[in-house]
Amino acid sequence: MNIRSLRLKWLVALLPLLAGPLACQTLLRPEQRTAQNDMASEAKEEGPAIIQTNAVDEATPPKDAETHPFVNAIPPPFADYSIDLETAIGLAGADNPTIALAQEAVSASRAEQLEAQALLLPSLNAGVSYNDHQGSLQTATGVIRKVTRQSLYDGAGAEAVGAGTVGFPGVHLFADLADAAFAPRAARERVAGRSFDAQATRNTVLLEAATRYFDLAGAAASLQAYRQSEAEAEQIASLTAAFAQAGQGRQSDAERARGSALLLHTEEQRAEEEVAVAAAALARVLDMDPAVRLHAPDGPPPLIQLVDPHADLEALVRIALDDRPEIAARSADVAANETLLRQERLRPLLPLLSVGYSAGQFGGGSDLADSRFGHFSGRTDFDAYAVWSLENFGVGNWARQRRRRAQVGEAEAERTRTIDRIRREVAEALALSAAHLEEVDTARRRVQTASQSFRADLVRAKNLEGQLIEVLDSVNSLATARQDLIRALTGYDVAQFQLFVALGRPPSAADYPSSRP
């Protein structure tokens, strides 16, 4: 047996011992990697040196650079907070400024409704008035007299002067009957519209929270998959380096394997950035401190099914048209504007009504009477009048009707546009759900096949039945399949929630039927 055969048998026996520690090394934390890499560097310095013989090798980083410890791309957060889907949706619905703003709009519309309902309620006035006149007055017969006169009134109402009635009645009803008849109806429709808008806003916010959560869960799963793929690439890089040192492989293969591992490490750093960005986006939706890093549970996202992705599209569209709060809100806007149009049509037929009643103490006198200031006694006044008005010879009323008719057309066009948008959202979400479900099935089979191929190629390479560098293709294929599976799972879950909300169903913190891939 020659020396080459002995060296080959020694390498085959040593490979299983090298593969375990080197594979585990890539899964260590950075500080553990640093200590272990320092020990490896010291051991290499005592071993045989590798002589570089060409200019390309001179530009290659030294051997100890290959085992330089990697540093996390994102600095550590101030604190960590673990969050799941139910918690994210619950927090989004509990204290969100966007939802609170929509609720305040409902409160404002209810206040307007109360104001409209109170148009036929009289106002109560109490006060005191004093009048002092010095100079000429004209009597009913046209006689001009110079008189000094004083009068005082106090009680319900104010401004009682001379023989006239009380200027500000104590109990006063003053209303345009067209406004009093139709304003409460229009206000009621506006309250309904703002309530449906608030419900739609809540659904949108909860959908955004679910979407941002799946972005975070997908980014975290992608990071874990890259780390696993990097560990496998590091294992191949270490084995090819050992082959090259033993003279059983080429140094270029070792450098190629190292480059592939570094490329996966770059993807891992990008995944770390995506996790940080997704956590900040979710914190924004949940109105939480972005300094606290949110993180989803470990593992790939669950496969959540809320709506059958193979359901009939027309049936789903009918459900959406019946249940979507946006359509109900736009229908309420149409009804409110139609009410205002009827109001303008009937305004010339309904009068302006004023009814007043006053009671109080009144007295006074002048230099022509027996007392300059006296004769105080009780006084009551009742006044009522109704006025019909044709504004600007009827042109003003006609212009108002045209404006209200245009507003009705705008509201109807907005409702039609909302219906078209909802149809599109249902169709797109259903198509995305079906497509992503097929992608999930395909990606699962790809991961299974690529994993089997990687293990088989690695065993063949260790048994010297093939080149170890060929295993890199299996590693890269497996890494790509894992990422595609995660993207398909995340896309399917997001599409399911989009379809669920497109049907008018609000996301809640209930237990969702799900399965792990």
Protein backbone atom coordinates (compact mmCIF):
# COMPACT_ATOMS: atom_id res chain seq x y z
CA MET A 1 0.00 0.00 0.00
CA ASN A 2 1.51 3.33 -1.05
CA ILE A 3 1.61 6.60 0.90
CA ARG A 4 -1.19 8.16 -1.19
CA SER A 5 -3.62 5.36 -0.30
CA LEU A 6 -2.76 5.63 3.42
CA ARG A 7 -3.33 9.40 3.34
CA LEU A 8 -6.69 8.91 1.57
CA LYS A 9 -7.94 6.37 4.14
CA TRP A 10 -6.83 8.69 6.97
CA LEU A 11 -8.82 11.55 5.44
CA VAL A 12 -11.97 9.45 4.97
CA ALA A 13 -11.80 8.33 8.62
CA LEU A 14 -11.28 11.90 9.80
CA LEU A 15 -14.11 13.52 7.80
CA PRO A 16 -16.98 12.54 10.16
CA LEU A 17 -15.02 13.93 13.08
CA LEU A 18 -14.40 17.21 11.27
CA ALA A 19 -17.95 17.61 9.95
CA GLY A 20 -19.68 17.66 13.35
CA PRO A 21 -17.65 20.38 15.13
CA LEU A 22 -17.37 22.52 12.02
CA ALA A 23 -21.10 22.37 11.37
CA CYS A 24 -21.87 23.20 14.97
CA GLN A 25 -19.42 26.09 14.92
CA THR A 26 -21.60 28.03 12.50
CA LEU A 27 -24.56 27.83 14.89
CA LEU A 28 -22.69 29.36 17.80
CA ARG A 29 -23.28 32.91 18.95
CA PRO A 30 -20.78 35.55 17.76
CA GLU A 31 -18.90 35.69 21.03
CA GLN A 32 -18.58 31.87 21.05
CA ARG A 33 -17.41 31.95 17.44
CA THR A 34 -14.74 34.50 18.33
CA ALA A 35 -13.19 32.35 21.04
CA GLN A 36 -13.32 29.23 18.91
CA ASN A 37 -11.91 30.97 15.84
CA ASP A 38 -9.05 32.42 17.89
CA MET A 39 -8.16 28.91 19.03
CA ALA A 40 -8.32 27.67 15.43
CA SER A 41 -6.08 30.52 14.27
CA GLU A 42 -3.45 29.68 16.89
CA ALA A 43 -3.53 26.03 15.85
CA LYS A 44 -3.09 26.95 12.19
CA GLU A 45 -0.07 29.07 12.93
CA GLU A 46 1.66 25.96 14.29
CA GLY A 47 0.70 23.84 11.23
CA PRO A 48 2.30 23.68 7.76
CA ALA A 49 2.29 26.91 5.75
CA ILE A 50 0.59 27.22 2.35
CA ILE A 51 2.85 28.70 -0.33
CA GLN A 52 1.19 31.08 -2.84
CA THR A 53 2.71 30.78 -6.29
CA ASN A 54 0.86 33.29 -8.50
CA ALA A 55 -0.50 36.83 -8.56
CA VAL A 56 -4.12 35.71 -8.12
CA ASP A 57 -3.24 33.92 -4.92
CA GLU A 58 -1.47 37.05 -3.67
CA ALA A 59 -4.74 38.99 -3.96
CA THR A 60 -6.59 36.29 -2.01
CA PRO A 61 -7.20 37.08 1.69
CA PRO A 62 -4.99 35.14 4.10
CA LYS A 63 -6.16 31.92 5.55
CA ASP A 64 -7.07 33.40 8.95
CA ALA A 65 -9.46 35.84 7.24
CA GLU A 66 -11.70 32.93 6.32
CA THR A 67 -12.46 32.22 9.94
CA HIS A 68 -12.80 35.87 10.97
CA PRO A 69 -15.82 36.11 13.30
CA PHE A 70 -18.93 37.63 11.76
CA VAL A 71 -20.63 40.62 13.43
CA ASN A 72 -24.40 41.08 13.53
CA ALA A 73 -25.60 43.61 10.95
CA ILE A 74 -28.16 45.18 13.32
CA PRO A 75 -27.22 46.48 16.79
CA PRO A 76 -29.02 44.81 19.70
CA PRO A 77 -32.34 46.40 20.70
CA PHE A 78 -33.15 48.10 23.97
CA ALA A 79 -35.50 45.25 24.87
CA ASP A 80 -37.26 42.29 23.25
CA TYR A 81 -40.96 41.53 23.22
CA SER A 82 -42.35 38.26 21.92
CA ILE A 83 -45.64 38.66 20.07
CA ASP A 84 -47.99 36.32 18.27
CA LEU A 85 -50.79 36.92 15.80
CA GLU A 86 -53.59 37.08 18.36
CA THR A 87 -51.69 39.57 20.49
CA ALA A 88 -50.85 41.75 17.49
CA ILE A 89 -54.48 41.94 16.36
CA GLY A 90 -55.68 42.52 19.90
CA LEU A 91 -53.23 45.39 20.46
CA ALA A 92 -54.07 46.95 17.11
CA GLY A 93 -57.77 47.03 17.95
CA ALA A 94 -57.36 48.13 21.56
CA ASP A 95 -55.49 51.43 21.30
CA ASN A 96 -54.88 52.68 17.79
CA PRO A 97 -54.98 56.40 16.90
CA THR A 98 -56.39 55.75 13.43
CA ILE A 99 -59.32 53.80 14.87
CA ALA A 100 -59.76 56.43 17.60
CA LEU A 101 -59.90 59.17 14.95
CA ALA A 102 -62.64 57.31 13.08
CA GLN A 103 -64.59 56.88 16.32
CA GLU A 104 -64.33 60.61 17.00
CA ALA A 105 -65.85 61.25 13.59
CA VAL A 106 -68.81 59.10 14.67
CA SER A 107 -69.13 61.12 17.88
CA ALA A 108 -69.08 64.38 15.91
CA SER A 109 -71.82 63.16 13.57
CA ARG A 110 -73.94 62.13 16.55
CA ALA A 111 -73.55 65.61 18.00
CA GLU A 112 -74.73 67.05 14.66
CA GLN A 113 -77.70 64.70 14.76
CA LEU A 114 -78.63 65.89 18.24
CA GLU A 115 -78.36 69.49 17.07
CA ALA A 116 -80.69 68.76 14.13
CA GLN A 117 -83.21 67.00 16.34
CA ALA A 118 -83.34 70.05 18.62
CA LEU A 119 -84.39 72.50 15.88
CA LEU A 120 -88.04 72.46 17.00
CA LEU A 121 -87.19 72.99 20.67
CA PRO A 122 -87.64 76.59 21.91
CA SER A 123 -84.86 78.66 23.44
CA LEU A 124 -85.19 80.11 26.94
CA ASN A 125 -84.15 83.73 27.53
CA ALA A 126 -84.11 85.81 30.73
CA GLY A 127 -82.80 89.33 31.13
CA VAL A 128 -83.37 92.96 31.90
CA SER A 129 -83.57 96.00 29.61
CA TYR A 130 -83.62 99.74 30.28
CA ASN A 131 -84.56 102.42 27.75
CA ASP A 132 -83.98 106.16 28.08
CA HIS A 133 -85.16 108.49 25.31
CA GLN A 134 -84.74 112.23 25.07
CA GLY A 135 -85.95 114.14 22.04
CA SER A 136 -88.66 114.06 19.41
CA LEU A 137 -91.13 111.23 18.84
CA GLN A 138 -93.94 110.85 16.34
CA THR A 139 -97.35 109.67 17.42
CA ALA A 140 -99.58 107.38 15.40
CA THR A 141 -101.47 110.46 14.04
CA GLY A 142 -98.23 112.05 12.87
CA VAL A 143 -97.82 114.59 15.65
CA ILE A 144 -94.22 115.30 16.62
CA ARG A 145 -93.61 115.64 20.31
CA LYS A 146 -90.52 116.35 22.31
CA VAL A 147 -90.40 113.96 25.21
CA THR A 148 -88.03 112.58 27.83
CA ARG A 149 -88.98 108.97 28.52
CA GLN A 150 -87.63 106.02 30.51
CA SER A 151 -88.72 102.35 30.76
CA LEU A 152 -87.45 99.23 32.55
CA TYR A 153 -88.26 95.55 31.92
CA ASP A 154 -87.04 92.41 33.70
CA GLY A 155 -88.14 88.80 33.57
CA ALA A 156 -88.37 86.17 30.85
CA GLY A 157 -87.02 87.96 27.82
CA ALA A 158 -85.58 91.43 27.25
CA GLU A 159 -85.84 94.63 25.16
CA ALA A 160 -89.38 95.89 25.78
CA VAL A 161 -89.54 99.50 24.50
CA GLY A 162 -92.60 101.70 24.27
CA ALA A 163 -95.71 100.07 22.90
CA GLY A 164 -93.82 97.40 21.01
CA THR A 165 -93.57 93.75 21.94
CA VAL A 166 -90.59 92.17 23.68
CA GLY A 167 -87.61 92.06 21.31
CA PHE A 168 -86.11 88.88 22.81
CA PRO A 169 -89.00 86.64 23.96
CA GLY A 170 -88.54 84.60 27.09
CA VAL A 171 -89.57 81.35 25.39
CA HIS A 172 -88.73 81.55 21.71
CA LEU A 173 -89.15 79.00 18.92
CA PHE A 174 -87.54 80.11 15.67
CA ALA A 175 -87.00 77.51 12.95
CA ASP A 176 -87.06 76.93 9.24
CA LEU A 177 -89.54 74.08 8.92
CA ALA A 178 -87.67 72.69 5.90
CA ASP A 179 -84.53 72.31 8.03
CA ALA A 180 -86.49 71.01 11.02
CA ALA A 181 -88.25 68.38 8.89
CA PHE A 182 -85.30 67.02 6.89
CA ALA A 183 -82.08 67.83 8.79
CA PRO A 184 -82.62 65.08 11.43
CA ARG A 185 -83.10 62.47 8.70
CA ALA A 186 -79.96 63.54 6.87
CA ALA A 187 -78.03 63.63 10.15
CA ARG A 188 -79.20 60.10 10.97
CA GLU A 189 -77.85 58.86 7.64
CA ARG A 190 -74.53 60.65 8.27
CA VAL A 191 -74.21 58.95 11.64
CA ALA A 192 -74.79 55.58 9.97
CA GLY A 193 -72.23 56.42 7.28
CA ARG A 194 -69.55 57.46 9.77
CA SER A 195 -70.24 54.35 11.87
CA PHE A 196 -69.72 52.10 8.86
CA ASP A 197 -66.61 54.09 7.94
CA ALA A 198 -65.26 53.53 11.45
CA GLN A 199 -65.90 49.80 11.10
CA ALA A 200 -64.12 49.78 7.74
CA THR A 201 -61.21 51.70 9.24
CA ARG A 202 -60.96 49.18 12.05
CA ASN A 203 -60.92 46.30 9.55
CA THR A 204 -58.21 48.05 7.53
CA VAL A 205 -56.04 48.67 10.60
CA LEU A 206 -56.41 45.08 11.80
CA LEU A 207 -55.57 43.83 8.32
CA GLU A 208 -52.47 46.01 8.28
CA ALA A 209 -51.49 44.69 11.70
CA ALA A 210 -51.89 41.09 10.48
CA THR A 211 -49.92 41.88 7.32
CA ARG A 212 -47.10 43.52 9.25
CA TYR A 213 -47.04 40.56 11.65
CA PHE A 214 -46.68 38.10 8.77
CA ASP A 215 -43.92 40.29 7.35
CA LEU A 216 -42.13 39.98 10.68
CA ALA A 217 -42.78 36.25 10.98
CA GLY A 218 -41.66 35.68 7.39
CA ALA A 219 -38.51 37.78 7.85
CA ALA A 220 -37.64 35.91 11.06
CA ALA A 221 -38.20 32.53 9.39
CA SER A 222 -36.13 33.67 6.41
CA LEU A 223 -33.31 34.64 8.76
CA GLN A 224 -33.39 31.24 10.45
CA ALA A 225 -33.37 29.51 7.07
CA TYR A 226 -30.38 31.55 5.91
CA ARG A 227 -28.53 30.67 9.10
CA GLN A 228 -29.24 27.01 8.56
CA SER A 229 -28.10 27.24 4.94
CA GLU A 230 -25.01 29.16 5.99
CA ALA A 231 -24.17 26.44 8.49
CA GLU A 232 -24.41 23.83 5.75
CA ALA A 233 -22.28 25.95 3.42
CA GLU A 234 -19.73 26.46 6.20
CA GLN A 235 -19.59 22.71 6.63
CA ILE A 236 -18.83 22.23 2.94
CA ALA A 237 -16.28 25.07 3.01
CA SER A 238 -14.47 23.51 5.96
CA LEU A 239 -14.43 20.06 4.35
CA THR A 240 -13.14 21.37 1.01
CA ALA A 241 -10.44 23.31 2.86
CA ALA A 242 -9.44 20.13 4.68
CA PHE A 243 -9.31 18.25 1.37
CA ALA A 244 -7.16 21.00 -0.13
CA GLN A 245 -4.73 20.97 2.80
CA ALA A 246 -4.44 17.19 2.53
CA GLY A 247 -3.71 17.45 -1.18
CA GLN A 248 -6.95 15.68 -2.14
CA GLY A 249 -8.65 18.74 -3.61
CA ARG A 250 -8.01 22.04 -5.26
CA GLN A 251 -7.52 25.28 -3.36
CA SER A 252 -9.81 27.01 -5.88
CA ASP A 253 -12.64 24.69 -4.79
CA ALA A 254 -12.03 25.67 -1.19
CA GLU A 255 -12.14 29.36 -2.13
CA ARG A 256 -15.32 28.82 -4.12
CA ALA A 257 -16.97 27.10 -1.17
CA ARG A 258 -15.82 29.88 1.13
CA GLY A 259 -17.26 32.48 -1.27
CA SER A 260 -20.57 30.66 -1.34
CA ALA A 261 -20.67 30.65 2.47
CA LEU A 262 -19.86 34.37 2.56
CA LEU A 263 -22.61 35.04 0.03
CA LEU A 264 -25.12 33.26 2.26
CA HIS A 265 -23.81 35.25 5.20
CA THR A 266 -24.51 38.44 3.25
CA GLU A 267 -28.06 37.24 2.67
CA GLU A 268 -28.30 36.51 6.39
CA GLN A 269 -27.30 40.11 7.19
CA ARG A 270 -29.94 41.39 4.79
CA ALA A 271 -32.46 39.16 6.49
CA GLU A 272 -31.46 40.67 9.84
CA GLU A 273 -32.17 44.11 8.39
CA GLU A 274 -35.56 42.94 7.12
CA VAL A 275 -36.43 41.59 10.56
CA ALA A 276 -35.56 44.92 12.19
CA VAL A 277 -37.54 46.89 9.59
CA ALA A 278 -40.55 44.56 9.88
CA ALA A 279 -40.47 44.83 13.68
CA ALA A 280 -40.44 48.64 13.46
CA ALA A 281 -43.33 48.62 10.98
CA LEU A 282 -45.40 46.37 13.25
CA ALA A 283 -44.57 48.57 16.26
CA ARG A 284 -45.83 51.60 14.31
CA VAL A 285 -49.16 49.92 13.55
CA LEU A 286 -49.52 48.79 17.16
CA ASP A 287 -48.51 52.25 18.43
CA MET A 288 -45.66 50.76 20.46
CA ASP A 289 -42.18 52.00 21.27
CA PRO A 290 -39.92 51.11 18.31
CA ALA A 291 -36.96 50.83 20.70
CA VAL A 292 -38.51 47.55 21.91
CA ARG A 293 -37.75 44.91 19.28
CA LEU A 294 -40.76 42.74 18.48
CA HIS A 295 -40.12 39.18 17.41
CA ALA A 296 -42.43 36.40 16.29
CA PRO A 297 -42.33 32.79 17.50
CA ASP A 298 -39.62 30.59 16.02
CA GLY A 299 -40.31 28.45 13.02
CA PRO A 300 -41.96 29.05 9.66
CA PRO A 301 -45.29 30.90 9.53
CA PRO A 302 -48.34 28.70 10.02
CA LEU A 303 -50.61 27.93 7.09
CA ILE A 304 -53.84 29.75 8.00
CA GLN A 305 -57.06 29.05 6.13
CA LEU A 306 -59.93 31.48 6.67
CA VAL A 307 -61.70 31.15 3.32
CA ASP A 308 -61.63 28.27 0.87
CA PRO A 309 -59.29 29.45 -1.92
CA HIS A 310 -61.25 27.32 -4.40
CA ALA A 311 -64.64 28.85 -3.53
CA ASP A 312 -66.90 30.30 -6.22
CA LEU A 313 -65.92 33.89 -7.02
CA GLU A 314 -69.44 35.14 -7.74
CA ALA A 315 -70.71 33.77 -4.43
CA LEU A 316 -67.89 35.51 -2.57
CA VAL A 317 -68.56 38.79 -4.40
CA ARG A 318 -72.23 38.64 -3.37
CA ILE A 319 -71.21 38.10 0.24
CA ALA A 320 -68.83 41.05 0.04
CA LEU A 321 -71.47 43.35 -1.48
CA ASP A 322 -73.85 42.45 1.34
CA ASP A 323 -71.37 42.68 4.23
CA ARG A 324 -68.72 45.27 3.37
CA PRO A 325 -69.15 48.33 5.63
CA GLU A 326 -67.76 50.61 2.91
CA ILE A 327 -70.78 49.94 0.68
CA ALA A 328 -73.15 50.57 3.59
CA ALA A 329 -71.33 53.84 4.33
CA ARG A 330 -71.56 55.03 0.72
CA SER A 331 -75.25 54.04 0.58
CA ALA A 332 -75.83 56.13 3.70
CA ASP A 333 -74.11 59.08 2.01
CA VAL A 334 -76.43 58.69 -0.99
CA ALA A 335 -79.48 58.59 1.30
CA ALA A 336 -78.32 61.68 3.20
CA ASN A 337 -77.86 63.68 0.00
CA GLU A 338 -81.22 62.51 -1.37
CA THR A 339 -82.84 63.76 1.84
CA LEU A 340 -81.18 67.16 1.42
CA LEU A 341 -82.41 67.29 -2.19
CA ARG A 342 -86.01 66.71 -1.06
CA GLN A 343 -85.49 69.43 1.54
CA GLU A 344 -84.57 72.00 -1.12
CA ARG A 345 -87.48 70.97 -3.30
CA LEU A 346 -89.97 71.55 -0.45
CA ARG A 347 -88.30 74.61 1.07
CA PRO A 348 -90.52 77.16 -0.74
CA LEU A 349 -93.62 75.36 0.57
CA LEU A 350 -92.54 75.26 4.22
CA PRO A 351 -92.49 78.53 6.18
CA LEU A 352 -90.07 80.14 8.53
CA LEU A 353 -91.81 79.86 11.91
CA SER A 354 -91.36 82.10 14.97
CA VAL A 355 -93.29 81.71 18.25
CA GLY A 356 -92.45 83.73 21.37
CA TYR A 357 -93.83 84.17 24.87
CA SER A 358 -92.55 86.61 27.51
CA ALA A 359 -93.56 87.50 31.07
CA GLY A 360 -92.01 90.02 33.44
CA GLN A 361 -92.22 93.38 35.22
CA PHE A 362 -92.50 96.59 33.15
CA GLY A 363 -92.79 100.24 34.08
CA GLY A 364 -91.60 103.75 33.25
CA GLY A 365 -92.76 107.26 32.51
CA SER A 366 -91.91 110.60 30.90
CA ASP A 367 -92.01 114.35 31.45
CA LEU A 368 -95.47 114.36 29.85
CA ALA A 369 -96.92 111.80 32.25
CA ASP A 370 -97.81 111.98 35.93
CA SER A 371 -94.67 110.05 36.85
CA ARG A 372 -91.26 110.13 35.31
CA PHE A 373 -90.48 106.55 36.44
CA GLY A 374 -93.09 104.27 37.98
CA HIS A 375 -96.29 102.30 37.31
CA PHE A 376 -94.50 98.92 37.51
CA SER A 377 -96.70 95.84 37.09
CA GLY A 378 -96.75 92.43 35.44
CA ARG A 379 -96.68 92.05 31.67
CA THR A 380 -97.06 89.11 29.25
CA ASP A 381 -96.49 88.96 25.48
CA PHE A 382 -97.23 86.21 22.95
CA ASP A 383 -96.16 86.49 19.34
CA ALA A 384 -96.32 84.04 16.44
CA TYR A 385 -95.66 84.40 12.74
CA ALA A 386 -94.92 82.25 9.69
CA VAL A 387 -93.16 83.46 6.55
CA TRP A 388 -92.99 81.73 3.17
CA SER A 389 -90.08 82.77 1.01
CA LEU A 390 -89.19 82.31 -2.66
CA GLU A 391 -85.50 83.16 -2.68
CA ASN A 392 -84.21 85.41 -5.46
CA PHE A 393 -87.47 85.09 -7.38
CA GLY A 394 -87.06 81.30 -7.25
CA VAL A 395 -83.63 81.26 -8.89
CA GLY A 396 -81.91 80.80 -5.54
CA ASN A 397 -84.07 77.76 -4.72
CA TRP A 398 -83.44 76.27 -8.16
CA ALA A 399 -79.67 76.72 -7.74
CA ARG A 400 -79.78 74.95 -4.36
CA GLN A 401 -81.64 72.03 -5.89
CA ARG A 402 -79.07 71.70 -8.67
CA ARG A 403 -76.25 71.67 -6.12
CA ARG A 404 -77.96 68.97 -4.05
CA ARG A 405 -78.68 66.93 -7.19
CA ALA A 406 -74.99 67.06 -8.13
CA GLN A 407 -74.05 65.89 -4.62
CA VAL A 408 -76.40 62.95 -5.00
CA GLY A 409 -74.69 62.06 -8.29
CA GLU A 410 -71.26 62.28 -6.65
CA ALA A 411 -72.36 60.01 -3.81
CA GLU A 412 -73.80 57.47 -6.25
CA ALA A 413 -70.62 57.52 -8.34
CA GLU A 414 -68.51 57.00 -5.22
CA ARG A 415 -70.70 54.05 -4.24
CA THR A 416 -70.29 52.53 -7.70
CA ARG A 417 -66.54 53.01 -7.55
CA THR A 418 -66.47 51.38 -4.10
CA ILE A 419 -68.43 48.39 -5.42
CA ASP A 420 -66.00 48.00 -8.33
CA ARG A 421 -63.04 48.22 -5.95
CA ILE A 422 -64.52 45.57 -3.66
CA ARG A 423 -65.14 43.23 -6.58
CA ARG A 424 -61.52 43.66 -7.62
CA GLU A 425 -60.23 43.12 -4.08
CA VAL A 426 -62.20 39.88 -3.70
CA ALA A 427 -61.05 38.58 -7.07
CA GLU A 428 -57.40 39.48 -6.47
CA ALA A 429 -57.33 38.06 -2.94
CA LEU A 430 -58.98 34.82 -4.10
CA ALA A 431 -56.55 34.48 -6.99
CA LEU A 432 -53.57 35.18 -4.72
CA SER A 433 -54.79 32.64 -2.18
CA ALA A 434 -55.13 29.91 -4.81
CA ALA A 435 -51.80 30.76 -6.43
CA HIS A 436 -49.87 30.91 -3.16
CA LEU A 437 -51.42 27.65 -2.01
CA GLU A 438 -50.07 25.97 -5.14
CA GLU A 439 -46.71 27.62 -4.49
CA VAL A 440 -46.71 26.25 -0.95
CA ASP A 441 -47.30 22.70 -2.19
CA THR A 442 -44.60 23.04 -4.83
CA ALA A 443 -42.13 24.65 -2.43
CA ARG A 444 -42.68 21.90 0.13
CA ARG A 445 -41.82 19.25 -2.43
CA ARG A 446 -38.80 21.28 -3.53
CA VAL A 447 -37.52 21.53 0.04
CA GLN A 448 -37.98 17.82 0.57
CA THR A 449 -36.26 16.93 -2.71
CA ALA A 450 -33.43 19.42 -2.20
CA SER A 451 -32.86 18.20 1.34
CA GLN A 452 -32.64 14.59 0.20
CA SER A 453 -30.33 15.60 -2.63
CA PHE A 454 -28.06 17.52 -0.25
CA ARG A 455 -27.76 14.61 2.18
CA ALA A 456 -27.15 12.12 -0.64
CA ASP A 457 -24.51 14.31 -2.31
CA LEU A 458 -22.76 14.90 1.00
CA VAL A 459 -22.59 11.17 1.73
CA ARG A 460 -21.28 10.46 -1.78
CA ALA A 461 -18.62 13.14 -1.42
CA LYS A 462 -17.51 11.81 1.96
CA ASN A 463 -17.27 8.33 0.45
CA LEU A 464 -15.12 9.78 -2.34
CA GLU A 465 -17.75 8.90 -4.90
CA GLY A 466 -17.97 12.47 -6.13
CA GLN A 467 -16.44 15.92 -5.81
CA LEU A 468 -17.22 17.69 -2.57
CA ILE A 469 -17.52 21.00 -4.39
CA GLU A 470 -20.53 19.59 -6.26
CA VAL A 471 -22.46 19.58 -2.99
CA LEU A 472 -22.55 23.41 -3.17
CA ASP A 473 -25.19 23.19 -5.89
CA SER A 474 -27.37 21.14 -3.55
CA VAL A 475 -26.77 23.61 -0.71
CA ASN A 476 -27.78 26.57 -2.88
CA SER A 477 -30.82 24.76 -4.25
CA LEU A 478 -31.93 23.86 -0.73
CA ALA A 479 -31.42 27.46 0.46
CA THR A 480 -33.49 28.79 -2.44
CA ALA A 481 -36.25 26.25 -1.84
CA ARG A 482 -36.47 27.19 1.84
CA GLN A 483 -36.80 30.88 1.02
CA ASP A 484 -39.44 30.18 -1.62
CA LEU A 485 -41.43 28.12 0.87
CA ILE A 486 -41.35 30.90 3.45
CA ARG A 487 -42.40 33.50 0.87
CA ALA A 488 -45.23 31.25 -0.31
CA LEU A 489 -46.47 30.65 3.25
CA THR A 490 -46.35 34.35 4.11
CA GLY A 491 -48.03 35.32 0.84
CA TYR A 492 -50.79 32.78 1.38
CA ASP A 493 -51.52 33.93 4.93
CA VAL A 494 -51.60 37.59 3.88
CA ALA A 495 -53.86 36.77 0.92
CA GLN A 496 -56.21 34.84 3.22
CA PHE A 497 -56.56 37.81 5.55
CA GLN A 498 -57.04 40.13 2.58
CA LEU A 499 -59.81 37.89 1.28
CA PHE A 500 -61.34 37.65 4.76
CA VAL A 501 -61.47 41.43 5.10
CA ALA A 502 -62.58 41.85 1.47
CA LEU A 503 -65.69 39.82 2.40
CA GLY A 504 -66.47 42.31 5.18
CA ARG A 505 -65.34 40.09 8.04
CA PRO A 506 -63.35 41.87 10.75
CA PRO A 507 -60.15 40.13 11.92
CA SER A 508 -60.31 39.26 15.59
CA ALA A 509 -58.12 37.66 18.23
CA ALA A 510 -59.88 34.32 17.82
CA ASP A 511 -58.04 31.05 17.28
CA TYR A 512 -57.41 30.70 13.58
CA PRO A 513 -57.39 27.24 12.01
CA SER A 514 -53.81 26.74 10.97
CA SER A 515 -51.25 24.08 10.24
CA ARG A 516 -47.49 24.06 10.32
CA PRO A 517 -45.64 23.26 7.08
